[in-house]
Amino acid sequence: MSKFKKLVAAAFFPEHCPYCGDVVSVGKCACEKCGREFPETIRECSAVGGYLCTAPFSYTGIFAESVKSFKFRGHREYAEKLAEQINRAVSEAYKDISFDYITCVPMHKNQLKERGYNQSKLLGKKLSEITDIPYRDLLIKHKENLPQHTLSGLEKRDNVKGVYKALNTDIIKGHNILVIDDIITTGHTLGECCRILRKAGAKKICCATVCAKIIT
């Protein structure tokens, strides 16, 4: 959206800080108070299988609250400002990698119907708009499983086995792919998605999230 259109839209629908909910000026990534809490360095860790993951924030304080509001409280309008921060981390962590496609961790159709949107897909599509890297749905979640946050470490590992399949394998093969999710904790979900993409022939696979709960 052009800056002029954003200004017009903001007159009727003011933009809000995704970290506290206060109204912010058009184009501002956060309110002044929350902006002062932004860390100077990005977070880097690995999903299971050794796939690199980067995130602008740790899963603490206002940043954890932003993910919860975006994911569970219907604030899908936060996608653009959060994707801008993912782009900041991606630009630093993967500056030497040229990605062919952006994709996301998919949701099962029943979960998608219940929530109404896939927060990771919203992030991926906004990141695509920012970077001009094409977004593609490259994975499908064909089996329903338990929410990862309700399980222990070993249970999380077993919970994601066999629930994803590759789509568009002709697109995947030989290409560099960036996988987007809202948060990485144990890394089992992203790791399983990366494993499926690798099996389908992807050349290079990296991950990026809004927050990282595990830091190495």
N, C-alpha and C. Protein backbone atom coordinates (compact mmCIF):
# COMPACT_ATOMS: atom_id res chain seq x y z
N MET A 1 0.83 -1.19 0.00
CA MET A 1 0.00 0.00 0.00
C MET A 1 0.88 1.25 0.00
N SER A 2 0.55 2.23 -0.85
CA SER A 2 1.34 3.46 -0.92
C SER A 2 1.17 4.27 0.36
N LYS A 3 2.12 5.19 0.60
CA LYS A 3 2.06 6.00 1.80
C LYS A 3 0.80 6.85 1.83
N PHE A 4 0.40 7.38 0.66
CA PHE A 4 -0.82 8.20 0.59
C PHE A 4 -2.04 7.38 1.00
N LYS A 5 -2.15 6.18 0.46
CA LYS A 5 -3.28 5.32 0.80
C LYS A 5 -3.28 4.96 2.28
N LYS A 6 -2.06 4.77 2.83
CA LYS A 6 -1.98 4.47 4.26
C LYS A 6 -2.46 5.64 5.10
N LEU A 7 -2.12 6.87 4.67
CA LEU A 7 -2.55 8.06 5.40
C LEU A 7 -4.07 8.18 5.37
N VAL A 8 -4.67 7.93 4.21
CA VAL A 8 -6.12 7.99 4.08
C VAL A 8 -6.78 6.92 4.95
N ALA A 9 -6.23 5.70 4.88
CA ALA A 9 -6.78 4.60 5.67
C ALA A 9 -6.67 4.87 7.16
N ALA A 10 -5.53 5.49 7.57
CA ALA A 10 -5.31 5.76 8.99
C ALA A 10 -6.28 6.78 9.55
N ALA A 11 -6.84 7.63 8.67
CA ALA A 11 -7.82 8.62 9.12
C ALA A 11 -9.09 7.93 9.62
N PHE A 12 -9.38 6.78 9.04
CA PHE A 12 -10.59 6.03 9.43
C PHE A 12 -10.25 4.84 10.33
N PHE A 13 -9.09 4.26 10.10
CA PHE A 13 -8.67 3.09 10.87
C PHE A 13 -7.24 3.31 11.37
N PRO A 14 -7.07 3.97 12.50
CA PRO A 14 -5.73 4.29 13.02
C PRO A 14 -4.87 3.04 13.21
N GLU A 15 -3.57 3.19 12.95
CA GLU A 15 -2.65 2.09 13.18
C GLU A 15 -2.32 2.00 14.67
N HIS A 16 -2.05 0.76 15.10
CA HIS A 16 -1.77 0.54 16.52
C HIS A 16 -0.43 -0.16 16.69
N CYS A 17 0.20 0.13 17.80
CA CYS A 17 1.45 -0.54 18.16
C CYS A 17 1.13 -2.00 18.45
N PRO A 18 1.78 -2.94 17.80
CA PRO A 18 1.47 -4.35 18.04
C PRO A 18 1.96 -4.89 19.38
N TYR A 19 2.68 -4.05 20.13
CA TYR A 19 3.26 -4.50 21.40
C TYR A 19 2.48 -4.01 22.62
N CYS A 20 1.74 -2.91 22.45
CA CYS A 20 0.94 -2.41 23.58
C CYS A 20 -0.47 -2.00 23.17
N GLY A 21 -0.70 -1.83 21.87
CA GLY A 21 -2.02 -1.48 21.38
C GLY A 21 -2.29 0.00 21.24
N ASP A 22 -1.37 0.87 21.65
CA ASP A 22 -1.57 2.31 21.52
C ASP A 22 -1.55 2.73 20.05
N VAL A 23 -2.24 3.82 19.75
CA VAL A 23 -2.25 4.37 18.39
C VAL A 23 -0.85 4.91 18.06
N VAL A 24 -0.38 4.64 16.84
CA VAL A 24 0.92 5.13 16.40
C VAL A 24 0.76 5.88 15.08
N SER A 25 1.73 6.71 14.77
CA SER A 25 1.73 7.44 13.51
C SER A 25 1.90 6.47 12.35
N VAL A 26 1.41 6.86 11.19
CA VAL A 26 1.51 6.02 10.00
C VAL A 26 2.98 5.73 9.69
N GLY A 27 3.27 4.46 9.47
CA GLY A 27 4.64 4.08 9.12
C GLY A 27 5.53 3.75 10.29
N LYS A 28 5.08 4.05 11.52
CA LYS A 28 5.89 3.74 12.70
C LYS A 28 5.74 2.26 13.04
N CYS A 29 6.86 1.61 13.35
CA CYS A 29 6.82 0.18 13.64
C CYS A 29 6.32 -0.10 15.05
N ALA A 30 6.37 0.92 15.92
CA ALA A 30 5.94 0.76 17.31
C ALA A 30 5.80 2.14 17.93
N CYS A 31 5.16 2.20 19.09
CA CYS A 31 5.11 3.47 19.82
C CYS A 31 6.51 3.75 20.38
N GLU A 32 6.72 4.97 20.81
CA GLU A 32 8.05 5.36 21.29
C GLU A 32 8.49 4.53 22.49
N LYS A 33 7.58 4.29 23.40
CA LYS A 33 7.91 3.53 24.61
C LYS A 33 8.34 2.10 24.27
N CYS A 34 7.56 1.42 23.43
CA CYS A 34 7.89 0.04 23.08
C CYS A 34 9.14 -0.02 22.21
N GLY A 35 9.30 0.98 21.35
CA GLY A 35 10.47 1.01 20.48
C GLY A 35 11.77 1.03 21.27
N ARG A 36 11.74 1.64 22.45
CA ARG A 36 12.94 1.70 23.29
C ARG A 36 13.32 0.33 23.84
N GLU A 37 12.40 -0.61 23.80
CA GLU A 37 12.68 -1.96 24.31
C GLU A 37 13.20 -2.91 23.22
N PHE A 38 13.24 -2.45 21.97
CA PHE A 38 13.74 -3.30 20.90
C PHE A 38 15.20 -3.65 21.17
N PRO A 39 15.56 -4.92 21.09
CA PRO A 39 16.96 -5.32 21.31
C PRO A 39 17.85 -4.85 20.15
N GLU A 40 19.11 -4.63 20.46
CA GLU A 40 20.05 -4.17 19.44
C GLU A 40 20.47 -5.30 18.50
N THR A 41 20.43 -6.53 19.00
CA THR A 41 20.86 -7.66 18.19
C THR A 41 19.70 -8.62 17.93
N ILE A 42 19.76 -9.29 16.79
CA ILE A 42 18.75 -10.28 16.46
C ILE A 42 19.03 -11.59 17.19
N ARG A 43 18.06 -12.48 17.20
CA ARG A 43 18.21 -13.78 17.83
C ARG A 43 18.49 -14.83 16.76
N GLU A 44 19.39 -15.75 17.05
CA GLU A 44 19.70 -16.82 16.12
C GLU A 44 19.71 -18.15 16.87
N CYS A 45 19.10 -19.16 16.26
CA CYS A 45 19.05 -20.49 16.85
C CYS A 45 18.86 -21.48 15.72
N SER A 46 18.50 -22.71 16.04
CA SER A 46 18.33 -23.73 15.02
C SER A 46 17.08 -24.54 15.30
N ALA A 47 16.36 -24.87 14.24
CA ALA A 47 15.27 -25.84 14.34
C ALA A 47 15.88 -27.23 14.37
N VAL A 48 15.09 -28.20 14.80
CA VAL A 48 15.57 -29.59 14.83
C VAL A 48 16.03 -29.99 13.44
N GLY A 49 17.20 -30.59 13.37
CA GLY A 49 17.78 -30.95 12.08
C GLY A 49 18.89 -30.00 11.66
N GLY A 50 19.11 -28.96 12.48
CA GLY A 50 20.18 -28.01 12.21
C GLY A 50 19.82 -26.90 11.25
N TYR A 51 18.54 -26.68 10.99
CA TYR A 51 18.13 -25.62 10.09
C TYR A 51 18.15 -24.28 10.81
N LEU A 52 18.85 -23.31 10.25
CA LEU A 52 19.01 -22.02 10.90
C LEU A 52 17.68 -21.28 11.03
N CYS A 53 17.53 -20.59 12.14
CA CYS A 53 16.35 -19.76 12.36
C CYS A 53 16.79 -18.43 12.96
N THR A 54 16.16 -17.37 12.51
CA THR A 54 16.44 -16.05 13.07
C THR A 54 15.14 -15.39 13.52
N ALA A 55 15.24 -14.50 14.48
CA ALA A 55 14.07 -13.78 14.98
C ALA A 55 14.52 -12.42 15.51
N PRO A 56 13.70 -11.40 15.36
CA PRO A 56 14.07 -10.10 15.90
C PRO A 56 13.97 -10.01 17.42
N PHE A 57 13.15 -10.88 18.02
CA PHE A 57 12.87 -10.76 19.45
C PHE A 57 12.93 -12.10 20.18
N SER A 58 13.18 -12.03 21.49
CA SER A 58 12.99 -13.18 22.38
C SER A 58 11.52 -13.24 22.77
N TYR A 59 11.08 -14.41 23.17
CA TYR A 59 9.68 -14.59 23.56
C TYR A 59 9.50 -14.18 25.03
N THR A 60 9.57 -12.87 25.25
CA THR A 60 9.44 -12.32 26.60
C THR A 60 8.70 -10.99 26.52
N GLY A 61 8.14 -10.57 27.66
CA GLY A 61 7.57 -9.24 27.79
C GLY A 61 6.61 -8.82 26.70
N ILE A 62 6.81 -7.60 26.20
CA ILE A 62 5.89 -7.04 25.19
C ILE A 62 5.93 -7.82 23.88
N PHE A 63 7.04 -8.49 23.61
CA PHE A 63 7.16 -9.22 22.35
C PHE A 63 6.35 -10.51 22.40
N ALA A 64 6.35 -11.18 23.54
CA ALA A 64 5.49 -12.35 23.71
C ALA A 64 4.03 -11.95 23.63
N GLU A 65 3.68 -10.80 24.25
CA GLU A 65 2.30 -10.32 24.21
C GLU A 65 1.86 -9.99 22.80
N SER A 66 2.78 -9.46 21.99
CA SER A 66 2.42 -9.12 20.61
C SER A 66 2.06 -10.38 19.82
N VAL A 67 2.82 -11.45 20.03
CA VAL A 67 2.53 -12.70 19.34
C VAL A 67 1.18 -13.27 19.81
N LYS A 68 0.92 -13.22 21.11
CA LYS A 68 -0.35 -13.72 21.63
C LYS A 68 -1.53 -12.93 21.09
N SER A 69 -1.39 -11.61 21.02
CA SER A 69 -2.47 -10.78 20.49
C SER A 69 -2.70 -11.06 19.01
N PHE A 70 -1.63 -11.21 18.28
CA PHE A 70 -1.70 -11.48 16.85
C PHE A 70 -2.28 -12.86 16.57
N LYS A 71 -1.88 -13.82 17.37
CA LYS A 71 -2.23 -15.22 17.11
C LYS A 71 -3.58 -15.63 17.69
N PHE A 72 -3.86 -15.21 18.92
CA PHE A 72 -5.03 -15.72 19.62
C PHE A 72 -6.16 -14.70 19.80
N ARG A 73 -5.86 -13.39 19.64
CA ARG A 73 -6.87 -12.37 19.94
C ARG A 73 -7.39 -11.65 18.71
N GLY A 74 -7.11 -12.21 17.55
CA GLY A 74 -7.69 -11.70 16.33
C GLY A 74 -7.06 -10.46 15.73
N HIS A 75 -5.88 -10.06 16.23
CA HIS A 75 -5.25 -8.84 15.72
C HIS A 75 -4.39 -9.13 14.49
N ARG A 76 -5.05 -9.56 13.43
CA ARG A 76 -4.33 -9.91 12.20
C ARG A 76 -3.72 -8.67 11.55
N GLU A 77 -4.19 -7.49 11.93
CA GLU A 77 -3.64 -6.25 11.37
C GLU A 77 -2.21 -6.00 11.81
N TYR A 78 -1.74 -6.74 12.80
CA TYR A 78 -0.35 -6.58 13.26
C TYR A 78 0.66 -7.25 12.31
N ALA A 79 0.16 -8.01 11.35
CA ALA A 79 1.04 -8.80 10.49
C ALA A 79 2.11 -7.95 9.80
N GLU A 80 1.73 -6.79 9.28
CA GLU A 80 2.68 -5.98 8.52
C GLU A 80 3.83 -5.48 9.37
N LYS A 81 3.52 -4.93 10.55
CA LYS A 81 4.58 -4.39 11.40
C LYS A 81 5.47 -5.50 11.96
N LEU A 82 4.90 -6.66 12.25
CA LEU A 82 5.71 -7.78 12.72
C LEU A 82 6.57 -8.34 11.59
N ALA A 83 6.02 -8.37 10.38
CA ALA A 83 6.80 -8.85 9.22
C ALA A 83 7.97 -7.91 8.93
N GLU A 84 7.80 -6.62 9.17
CA GLU A 84 8.90 -5.67 8.98
C GLU A 84 10.06 -6.01 9.89
N GLN A 85 9.75 -6.46 11.11
CA GLN A 85 10.82 -6.82 12.04
C GLN A 85 11.45 -8.16 11.66
N ILE A 86 10.65 -9.09 11.15
CA ILE A 86 11.22 -10.34 10.63
C ILE A 86 12.18 -10.03 9.50
N ASN A 87 11.80 -9.10 8.64
CA ASN A 87 12.67 -8.72 7.51
C ASN A 87 14.00 -8.16 8.00
N ARG A 88 13.94 -7.41 9.08
CA ARG A 88 15.18 -6.86 9.66
C ARG A 88 16.11 -7.99 10.08
N ALA A 89 15.56 -9.01 10.71
CA ALA A 89 16.38 -10.15 11.15
C ALA A 89 16.88 -10.96 9.96
N VAL A 90 16.00 -11.20 8.99
CA VAL A 90 16.38 -11.97 7.80
C VAL A 90 17.48 -11.27 7.02
N SER A 91 17.36 -9.95 6.88
CA SER A 91 18.35 -9.18 6.12
C SER A 91 19.74 -9.27 6.74
N GLU A 92 19.78 -9.39 8.06
CA GLU A 92 21.06 -9.49 8.75
C GLU A 92 21.58 -10.92 8.78
N ALA A 93 20.71 -11.86 9.13
CA ALA A 93 21.16 -13.24 9.31
C ALA A 93 21.45 -13.95 8.00
N TYR A 94 20.68 -13.62 6.96
CA TYR A 94 20.80 -14.34 5.69
C TYR A 94 21.20 -13.41 4.54
N LYS A 95 22.03 -12.45 4.83
CA LYS A 95 22.39 -11.44 3.82
C LYS A 95 23.11 -12.05 2.62
N ASP A 96 23.70 -13.22 2.77
CA ASP A 96 24.42 -13.85 1.67
C ASP A 96 23.60 -14.92 0.95
N ILE A 97 22.32 -15.05 1.34
CA ILE A 97 21.46 -16.06 0.73
C ILE A 97 20.37 -15.39 -0.10
N SER A 98 20.18 -15.86 -1.31
CA SER A 98 19.11 -15.37 -2.18
C SER A 98 17.98 -16.39 -2.17
N PHE A 99 16.86 -16.02 -1.56
CA PHE A 99 15.73 -16.96 -1.46
C PHE A 99 14.87 -16.87 -2.71
N ASP A 100 14.43 -18.05 -3.16
CA ASP A 100 13.54 -18.13 -4.32
C ASP A 100 12.07 -18.01 -3.90
N TYR A 101 11.75 -18.56 -2.72
CA TYR A 101 10.37 -18.54 -2.26
C TYR A 101 10.30 -18.38 -0.75
N ILE A 102 9.20 -17.77 -0.32
CA ILE A 102 8.82 -17.73 1.09
C ILE A 102 7.61 -18.65 1.24
N THR A 103 7.61 -19.44 2.30
CA THR A 103 6.45 -20.26 2.63
C THR A 103 6.22 -20.19 4.13
N CYS A 104 5.26 -20.94 4.64
CA CYS A 104 4.97 -20.87 6.08
C CYS A 104 4.63 -22.24 6.63
N VAL A 105 4.60 -22.33 7.94
CA VAL A 105 4.10 -23.52 8.62
C VAL A 105 2.59 -23.55 8.44
N PRO A 106 2.05 -24.59 7.81
CA PRO A 106 0.61 -24.63 7.54
C PRO A 106 -0.21 -25.05 8.75
N MET A 107 -1.50 -24.76 8.70
CA MET A 107 -2.44 -25.19 9.73
C MET A 107 -3.37 -26.24 9.14
N HIS A 108 -3.86 -27.13 9.99
CA HIS A 108 -4.87 -28.09 9.55
C HIS A 108 -6.17 -27.34 9.27
N LYS A 109 -6.93 -27.83 8.33
CA LYS A 109 -8.16 -27.14 7.92
C LYS A 109 -9.13 -26.92 9.07
N ASN A 110 -9.19 -27.85 10.03
CA ASN A 110 -10.10 -27.68 11.16
C ASN A 110 -9.64 -26.56 12.09
N GLN A 111 -8.35 -26.48 12.33
CA GLN A 111 -7.80 -25.42 13.16
C GLN A 111 -7.95 -24.06 12.46
N LEU A 112 -7.75 -24.06 11.14
CA LEU A 112 -7.90 -22.83 10.37
C LEU A 112 -9.34 -22.33 10.42
N LYS A 113 -10.28 -23.25 10.34
CA LYS A 113 -11.69 -22.88 10.41
C LYS A 113 -12.03 -22.29 11.77
N GLU A 114 -11.44 -22.84 12.82
CA GLU A 114 -11.71 -22.36 14.18
C GLU A 114 -11.12 -20.98 14.43
N ARG A 115 -9.86 -20.76 14.00
CA ARG A 115 -9.20 -19.48 14.24
C ARG A 115 -9.58 -18.43 13.22
N GLY A 116 -9.78 -18.86 11.99
CA GLY A 116 -10.16 -17.93 10.94
C GLY A 116 -9.02 -17.46 10.07
N TYR A 117 -7.80 -17.68 10.49
CA TYR A 117 -6.63 -17.29 9.71
C TYR A 117 -5.40 -18.01 10.23
N ASN A 118 -4.42 -18.16 9.34
CA ASN A 118 -3.12 -18.72 9.71
C ASN A 118 -2.18 -17.54 9.92
N GLN A 119 -1.81 -17.29 11.15
CA GLN A 119 -0.96 -16.13 11.47
C GLN A 119 0.39 -16.21 10.76
N SER A 120 0.91 -17.41 10.58
CA SER A 120 2.20 -17.57 9.91
C SER A 120 2.10 -17.25 8.42
N LYS A 121 0.98 -17.57 7.82
CA LYS A 121 0.77 -17.25 6.40
C LYS A 121 0.64 -15.74 6.21
N LEU A 122 -0.05 -15.08 7.13
CA LEU A 122 -0.16 -13.62 7.05
C LEU A 122 1.23 -12.98 7.11
N LEU A 123 2.07 -13.48 8.01
CA LEU A 123 3.44 -12.96 8.12
C LEU A 123 4.22 -13.22 6.83
N GLY A 124 4.08 -14.43 6.31
CA GLY A 124 4.80 -14.79 5.10
C GLY A 124 4.40 -13.94 3.91
N LYS A 125 3.12 -13.67 3.78
CA LYS A 125 2.64 -12.87 2.65
C LYS A 125 3.08 -11.41 2.78
N LYS A 126 3.06 -10.89 3.99
CA LYS A 126 3.51 -9.51 4.19
C LYS A 126 5.01 -9.41 3.94
N LEU A 127 5.76 -10.41 4.38
CA LEU A 127 7.19 -10.42 4.13
C LEU A 127 7.47 -10.48 2.63
N SER A 128 6.66 -11.20 1.91
CA SER A 128 6.79 -11.28 0.46
C SER A 128 6.58 -9.91 -0.18
N GLU A 129 5.60 -9.16 0.31
CA GLU A 129 5.35 -7.82 -0.22
C GLU A 129 6.53 -6.89 0.06
N ILE A 130 7.13 -7.06 1.23
CA ILE A 130 8.25 -6.19 1.61
C ILE A 130 9.50 -6.51 0.80
N THR A 131 9.76 -7.79 0.56
CA THR A 131 11.02 -8.23 -0.04
C THR A 131 10.94 -8.50 -1.54
N ASP A 132 9.72 -8.62 -2.07
CA ASP A 132 9.51 -9.02 -3.47
C ASP A 132 9.94 -10.47 -3.74
N ILE A 133 10.10 -11.25 -2.67
CA ILE A 133 10.34 -12.70 -2.84
C ILE A 133 8.97 -13.37 -2.91
N PRO A 134 8.68 -14.15 -3.93
CA PRO A 134 7.35 -14.74 -4.08
C PRO A 134 6.96 -15.62 -2.90
N TYR A 135 5.70 -15.50 -2.47
CA TYR A 135 5.16 -16.40 -1.46
C TYR A 135 4.47 -17.58 -2.16
N ARG A 136 4.70 -18.79 -1.66
CA ARG A 136 4.03 -19.97 -2.17
C ARG A 136 3.65 -20.89 -1.01
N ASP A 137 2.47 -21.50 -1.12
CA ASP A 137 2.10 -22.56 -0.17
C ASP A 137 2.81 -23.83 -0.63
N LEU A 138 3.81 -24.24 0.10
CA LEU A 138 4.62 -25.39 -0.30
C LEU A 138 4.39 -26.61 0.59
N LEU A 139 3.61 -26.43 1.66
CA LEU A 139 3.34 -27.51 2.59
C LEU A 139 1.85 -27.55 2.92
N ILE A 140 1.37 -28.73 3.27
CA ILE A 140 0.01 -28.88 3.75
C ILE A 140 0.04 -29.71 5.03
N LYS A 141 -0.79 -29.35 5.99
CA LYS A 141 -0.93 -30.14 7.21
C LYS A 141 -2.14 -31.04 7.03
N HIS A 142 -1.90 -32.32 6.73
CA HIS A 142 -2.99 -33.22 6.37
C HIS A 142 -3.49 -34.05 7.54
N LYS A 143 -2.81 -33.97 8.68
CA LYS A 143 -3.26 -34.67 9.88
C LYS A 143 -3.36 -33.70 11.04
N GLU A 144 -4.42 -33.81 11.79
CA GLU A 144 -4.60 -32.95 12.96
C GLU A 144 -3.82 -33.52 14.14
N ASN A 145 -3.20 -32.64 14.91
CA ASN A 145 -2.47 -33.09 16.10
C ASN A 145 -2.77 -32.16 17.27
N LEU A 146 -2.16 -32.46 18.41
CA LEU A 146 -2.38 -31.64 19.59
C LEU A 146 -1.58 -30.34 19.51
N PRO A 147 -2.04 -29.26 20.14
CA PRO A 147 -1.26 -28.02 20.17
C PRO A 147 0.10 -28.26 20.82
N GLN A 148 1.16 -27.81 20.18
CA GLN A 148 2.51 -28.06 20.68
C GLN A 148 2.74 -27.49 22.07
N HIS A 149 2.14 -26.34 22.37
CA HIS A 149 2.42 -25.69 23.66
C HIS A 149 1.86 -26.45 24.85
N THR A 150 1.02 -27.48 24.58
CA THR A 150 0.45 -28.27 25.68
C THR A 150 1.30 -29.50 26.00
N LEU A 151 2.40 -29.70 25.27
CA LEU A 151 3.15 -30.95 25.37
C LEU A 151 4.57 -30.73 25.89
N SER A 152 5.19 -31.83 26.35
CA SER A 152 6.59 -31.79 26.78
C SER A 152 7.49 -31.93 25.56
N GLY A 153 8.80 -31.83 25.77
CA GLY A 153 9.76 -31.87 24.66
C GLY A 153 9.66 -33.11 23.79
N LEU A 154 9.71 -34.30 24.39
CA LEU A 154 9.63 -35.53 23.62
C LEU A 154 8.27 -35.70 22.97
N GLU A 155 7.23 -35.28 23.66
CA GLU A 155 5.88 -35.35 23.10
C GLU A 155 5.75 -34.44 21.89
N LYS A 156 6.40 -33.27 21.95
CA LYS A 156 6.37 -32.34 20.81
C LYS A 156 7.04 -32.96 19.59
N ARG A 157 8.13 -33.66 19.82
CA ARG A 157 8.83 -34.32 18.71
C ARG A 157 7.92 -35.31 18.01
N ASP A 158 7.28 -36.17 18.79
CA ASP A 158 6.42 -37.20 18.22
C ASP A 158 5.13 -36.62 17.64
N ASN A 159 4.68 -35.50 18.20
CA ASN A 159 3.41 -34.90 17.81
C ASN A 159 3.40 -34.38 16.37
N VAL A 160 4.57 -33.99 15.85
CA VAL A 160 4.62 -33.40 14.50
C VAL A 160 5.02 -34.41 13.42
N LYS A 161 5.38 -35.61 13.82
CA LYS A 161 5.80 -36.61 12.85
C LYS A 161 4.64 -37.01 11.94
N GLY A 162 4.86 -36.89 10.64
CA GLY A 162 3.87 -37.37 9.67
C GLY A 162 2.66 -36.50 9.45
N VAL A 163 2.67 -35.26 9.98
CA VAL A 163 1.47 -34.42 9.84
C VAL A 163 1.56 -33.47 8.65
N TYR A 164 2.76 -33.33 8.04
CA TYR A 164 2.92 -32.41 6.92
C TYR A 164 3.26 -33.15 5.63
N LYS A 165 2.82 -32.59 4.53
CA LYS A 165 3.19 -33.10 3.20
C LYS A 165 3.62 -31.92 2.32
N ALA A 166 4.44 -32.22 1.33
CA ALA A 166 4.90 -31.19 0.40
C ALA A 166 3.88 -30.98 -0.71
N LEU A 167 3.72 -29.71 -1.08
CA LEU A 167 2.92 -29.33 -2.25
C LEU A 167 3.87 -28.76 -3.30
N ASN A 168 3.42 -28.71 -4.54
CA ASN A 168 4.19 -28.05 -5.60
C ASN A 168 5.65 -28.50 -5.60
N THR A 169 5.86 -29.81 -5.65
CA THR A 169 7.23 -30.33 -5.56
C THR A 169 8.12 -29.84 -6.71
N ASP A 170 7.52 -29.53 -7.85
CA ASP A 170 8.30 -29.00 -8.96
C ASP A 170 8.89 -27.63 -8.62
N ILE A 171 8.17 -26.87 -7.81
CA ILE A 171 8.65 -25.56 -7.37
C ILE A 171 9.73 -25.72 -6.30
N ILE A 172 9.55 -26.68 -5.41
CA ILE A 172 10.47 -26.87 -4.29
C ILE A 172 11.86 -27.30 -4.76
N LYS A 173 11.90 -28.22 -5.68
CA LYS A 173 13.15 -28.86 -6.06
C LYS A 173 14.18 -27.85 -6.58
N GLY A 174 15.36 -27.88 -5.93
CA GLY A 174 16.48 -27.05 -6.36
C GLY A 174 16.42 -25.59 -5.97
N HIS A 175 15.46 -25.22 -5.12
CA HIS A 175 15.31 -23.81 -4.76
C HIS A 175 15.61 -23.53 -3.29
N ASN A 176 15.96 -22.28 -3.02
CA ASN A 176 16.22 -21.81 -1.66
C ASN A 176 14.92 -21.29 -1.07
N ILE A 177 14.56 -21.80 0.10
CA ILE A 177 13.25 -21.51 0.69
C ILE A 177 13.38 -20.97 2.10
N LEU A 178 12.60 -19.94 2.39
CA LEU A 178 12.53 -19.34 3.72
C LEU A 178 11.19 -19.71 4.33
N VAL A 179 11.22 -20.40 5.48
CA VAL A 179 10.00 -20.86 6.15
C VAL A 179 9.68 -19.92 7.32
N ILE A 180 8.44 -19.44 7.36
CA ILE A 180 8.02 -18.47 8.36
C ILE A 180 7.06 -19.10 9.38
N ASP A 181 7.27 -18.75 10.65
CA ASP A 181 6.33 -19.11 11.72
C ASP A 181 6.29 -17.95 12.70
N ASP A 182 5.38 -17.99 13.65
CA ASP A 182 5.28 -16.88 14.60
C ASP A 182 6.33 -16.99 15.71
N ILE A 183 6.62 -18.23 16.14
CA ILE A 183 7.55 -18.42 17.25
C ILE A 183 8.25 -19.76 17.10
N ILE A 184 9.50 -19.83 17.53
CA ILE A 184 10.21 -21.10 17.63
C ILE A 184 10.49 -21.35 19.11
N THR A 185 10.14 -22.55 19.57
CA THR A 185 10.40 -22.92 20.97
C THR A 185 11.38 -24.10 20.98
N THR A 186 10.86 -25.31 20.87
CA THR A 186 11.76 -26.47 20.82
C THR A 186 12.34 -26.68 19.43
N GLY A 187 11.70 -26.11 18.41
CA GLY A 187 12.18 -26.25 17.04
C GLY A 187 11.70 -27.50 16.33
N HIS A 188 10.79 -28.26 16.95
CA HIS A 188 10.32 -29.50 16.32
C HIS A 188 9.40 -29.22 15.13
N THR A 189 8.50 -28.25 15.26
CA THR A 189 7.57 -27.96 14.17
C THR A 189 8.31 -27.46 12.93
N LEU A 190 9.13 -26.44 13.09
CA LEU A 190 9.89 -25.92 11.96
C LEU A 190 10.84 -26.98 11.41
N GLY A 191 11.45 -27.76 12.29
CA GLY A 191 12.36 -28.80 11.85
C GLY A 191 11.68 -29.84 10.99
N GLU A 192 10.47 -30.22 11.36
CA GLU A 192 9.73 -31.20 10.57
C GLU A 192 9.33 -30.62 9.21
N CYS A 193 8.92 -29.35 9.20
CA CYS A 193 8.59 -28.71 7.92
C CYS A 193 9.81 -28.66 7.01
N CYS A 194 10.95 -28.31 7.57
CA CYS A 194 12.18 -28.26 6.79
C CYS A 194 12.57 -29.64 6.28
N ARG A 195 12.37 -30.65 7.10
CA ARG A 195 12.71 -32.01 6.69
C ARG A 195 11.88 -32.43 5.47
N ILE A 196 10.61 -32.08 5.48
CA ILE A 196 9.74 -32.42 4.35
C ILE A 196 10.16 -31.67 3.09
N LEU A 197 10.52 -30.40 3.25
CA LEU A 197 10.99 -29.61 2.10
C LEU A 197 12.30 -30.16 1.55
N ARG A 198 13.18 -30.57 2.45
CA ARG A 198 14.45 -31.16 2.03
C ARG A 198 14.21 -32.46 1.27
N LYS A 199 13.32 -33.28 1.78
CA LYS A 199 12.98 -34.55 1.13
C LYS A 199 12.41 -34.31 -0.26
N ALA A 200 11.71 -33.18 -0.43
CA ALA A 200 11.11 -32.84 -1.73
C ALA A 200 12.11 -32.20 -2.68
N GLY A 201 13.36 -32.01 -2.20
CA GLY A 201 14.40 -31.53 -3.10
C GLY A 201 14.83 -30.10 -2.95
N ALA A 202 14.40 -29.42 -1.89
CA ALA A 202 14.83 -28.04 -1.68
C ALA A 202 16.34 -27.96 -1.55
N LYS A 203 16.93 -26.90 -2.07
CA LYS A 203 18.38 -26.74 -2.06
C LYS A 203 18.86 -26.20 -0.72
N LYS A 204 18.35 -25.06 -0.30
CA LYS A 204 18.71 -24.41 0.96
C LYS A 204 17.44 -24.03 1.68
N ILE A 205 17.36 -24.34 2.98
CA ILE A 205 16.17 -24.03 3.75
C ILE A 205 16.57 -23.30 5.03
N CYS A 206 15.97 -22.15 5.26
CA CYS A 206 16.19 -21.39 6.49
C CYS A 206 14.84 -20.99 7.06
N CYS A 207 14.84 -20.58 8.31
CA CYS A 207 13.60 -20.23 8.99
C CYS A 207 13.69 -18.84 9.61
N ALA A 208 12.52 -18.23 9.82
CA ALA A 208 12.46 -16.94 10.51
C ALA A 208 11.13 -16.85 11.25
N THR A 209 11.16 -16.27 12.45
CA THR A 209 9.97 -16.11 13.27
C THR A 209 9.97 -14.72 13.90
N VAL A 210 8.85 -14.35 14.50
CA VAL A 210 8.81 -13.08 15.25
C VAL A 210 9.63 -13.20 16.52
N CYS A 211 9.42 -14.30 17.24
CA CYS A 211 10.11 -14.51 18.52
C CYS A 211 10.79 -15.87 18.57
N ALA A 212 11.84 -15.92 19.37
CA ALA A 212 12.53 -17.17 19.63
C ALA A 212 12.57 -17.41 21.13
N LYS A 213 12.14 -18.57 21.53
CA LYS A 213 12.17 -18.92 22.95
C LYS A 213 13.43 -19.69 23.31
N ILE A 214 14.04 -20.31 22.32
CA ILE A 214 15.30 -21.02 22.54
C ILE A 214 16.39 -20.27 21.82
N ILE A 215 17.44 -19.93 22.53
CA ILE A 215 18.54 -19.14 21.96
C ILE A 215 19.84 -19.90 22.14
N THR A 216 20.64 -19.98 21.08
CA THR A 216 21.95 -20.62 21.17
C THR A 216 23.01 -19.65 20.67
